[in-house]
Amino acid sequence: MRVQCVMCDKIETIEDETLVAKRLRNRPIHTYMCNECSERIEKRTRERIATGNFKLYESKKTEEDW
């Protein structure tokens, strides 16, 4: 399967039987990001977390008492 990275527009081929390929086929909202771009984003995110100025806003989960 041919895929294109959303960040750098590099075209790569991935195997059709992989989980990523299945997600891309079945759910068009999912996008593909190459390994270089995902590693770069992960590295920069870790640098921002290390500065202490990075806040990750997660949704609050409420527990229901039934």
C-alpha atoms as a PDB file:
ATOM      1  CA  MET A   1       0.000   0.000   0.000  1.00  0.00           C
ATOM      2  CA  ARG A   2       1.365   3.424  -0.897  1.00  0.00           C
ATOM      3  CA  VAL A   3       0.976   6.098   1.772  1.00  0.00           C
ATOM      4  CA  GLN A   4       1.986   9.740   2.039  1.00  0.00           C
ATOM      5  CA  CYS A   5       3.241  11.433   5.194  1.00  0.00           C
ATOM      6  CA  VAL A   6       1.081  14.359   6.297  1.00  0.00           C
ATOM      7  CA  MET A   7       4.072  16.373   7.525  1.00  0.00           C
ATOM      8  CA  CYS A   8       6.763  16.031   4.853  1.00  0.00           C
ATOM      9  CA  ASP A   9       4.718  14.627   1.904  1.00  0.00           C
ATOM     10  CA  LYS A  10       7.145  11.722   1.496  1.00  0.00           C
ATOM     11  CA  ILE A  11       5.581   8.711  -0.219  1.00  0.00           C
ATOM     12  CA  GLU A  12       6.327   5.301   1.294  1.00  0.00           C
ATOM     13  CA  THR A  13       5.050   1.779   0.837  1.00  0.00           C
ATOM     14  CA  ILE A  14       3.781  -0.295   3.740  1.00  0.00           C
ATOM     15  CA  GLU A  15       2.580  -3.881   3.805  1.00  0.00           C
ATOM     16  CA  ASP A  16      -1.137  -4.385   3.256  1.00  0.00           C
ATOM     17  CA  GLU A  17      -1.545  -6.722   6.234  1.00  0.00           C
ATOM     18  CA  THR A  18      -0.221  -4.344   8.903  1.00  0.00           C
ATOM     19  CA  LEU A  19      -2.452  -2.722  11.495  1.00  0.00           C
ATOM     20  CA  VAL A  20      -1.597   0.768  10.213  1.00  0.00           C
ATOM     21  CA  ALA A  21      -2.667  -0.139   6.686  1.00  0.00           C
ATOM     22  CA  LYS A  22      -5.935  -1.587   7.947  1.00  0.00           C
ATOM     23  CA  ARG A  23      -6.700   1.565   9.934  1.00  0.00           C
ATOM     24  CA  LEU A  24      -5.984   3.755   6.931  1.00  0.00           C
ATOM     25  CA  ARG A  25      -8.260   1.674   4.702  1.00  0.00           C
ATOM     26  CA  ASN A  26     -11.189   1.407   7.084  1.00  0.00           C
ATOM     27  CA  ARG A  27     -11.139   4.862   8.655  1.00  0.00           C
ATOM     28  CA  PRO A  28     -10.239   7.713   6.299  1.00  0.00           C
ATOM     29  CA  ILE A  29      -9.876  10.146   9.221  1.00  0.00           C
ATOM     30  CA  HIS A  30      -6.643   8.404  10.254  1.00  0.00           C
ATOM     31  CA  THR A  31      -3.520   9.893   8.707  1.00  0.00           C
ATOM     32  CA  TYR A  32      -0.070   8.441   8.147  1.00  0.00           C
ATOM     33  CA  MET A  33       3.127   9.941   9.546  1.00  0.00           C
ATOM     34  CA  CYS A  34       6.551   8.583   8.597  1.00  0.00           C
ATOM     35  CA  ASN A  35       9.006   7.386  11.252  1.00  0.00           C
ATOM     36  CA  GLU A  36      11.325  10.383  10.870  1.00  0.00           C
ATOM     37  CA  CYS A  37       8.528  12.885  11.465  1.00  0.00           C
ATOM     38  CA  SER A  38       7.079  10.993  14.423  1.00  0.00           C
ATOM     39  CA  GLU A  39      10.531  10.690  16.030  1.00  0.00           C
ATOM     40  CA  ARG A  40      11.160  14.408  15.499  1.00  0.00           C
ATOM     41  CA  ILE A  41       7.835  15.326  17.110  1.00  0.00           C
ATOM     42  CA  GLU A  42       8.458  12.937  19.993  1.00  0.00           C
ATOM     43  CA  LYS A  43      11.919  14.419  20.605  1.00  0.00           C
ATOM     44  CA  ARG A  44      10.667  18.008  20.610  1.00  0.00           C
ATOM     45  CA  THR A  45       7.753  17.121  22.869  1.00  0.00           C
ATOM     46  CA  ARG A  46      10.109  15.538  25.396  1.00  0.00           C
ATOM     47  CA  GLU A  47      12.266  18.690  25.285  1.00  0.00           C
ATOM     48  CA  ARG A  48       9.218  20.857  26.018  1.00  0.00           C
ATOM     49  CA  ILE A  49       8.145  18.582  28.877  1.00  0.00           C
ATOM     50  CA  ALA A  50      11.650  18.854  30.372  1.00  0.00           C
ATOM     51  CA  THR A  51      11.398  22.670  30.481  1.00  0.00           C
ATOM     52  CA  GLY A  52       8.391  22.498  32.800  1.00  0.00           C
ATOM     53  CA  ASN A  53       6.284  24.871  30.701  1.00  0.00           C
ATOM     54  CA  PHE A  54       4.404  22.090  28.942  1.00  0.00           C
ATOM     55  CA  LYS A  55       0.890  21.245  30.120  1.00  0.00           C
ATOM     56  CA  LEU A  56      -0.941  18.210  28.834  1.00  0.00           C
ATOM     57  CA  TYR A  57      -4.677  18.720  29.059  1.00  0.00           C
ATOM     58  CA  GLU A  58      -6.457  15.409  29.422  1.00  0.00           C
ATOM     59  CA  SER A  59     -10.168  14.925  29.725  1.00  0.00           C
ATOM     60  CA  LYS A  60     -11.374  14.230  33.218  1.00  0.00           C
ATOM     61  CA  LYS A  61     -12.925  10.820  33.703  1.00  0.00           C
ATOM     62  CA  THR A  62     -15.819  10.663  36.089  1.00  0.00           C
ATOM     63  CA  GLU A  63     -16.690   7.454  37.858  1.00  0.00           C
ATOM     64  CA  GLU A  64     -20.353   6.625  38.050  1.00  0.00           C
ATOM     65  CA  ASP A  65     -21.732   5.055  41.213  1.00  0.00           C
ATOM     66  CA  TRP A  66     -24.311   2.510  40.190  1.00  0.00           C
END
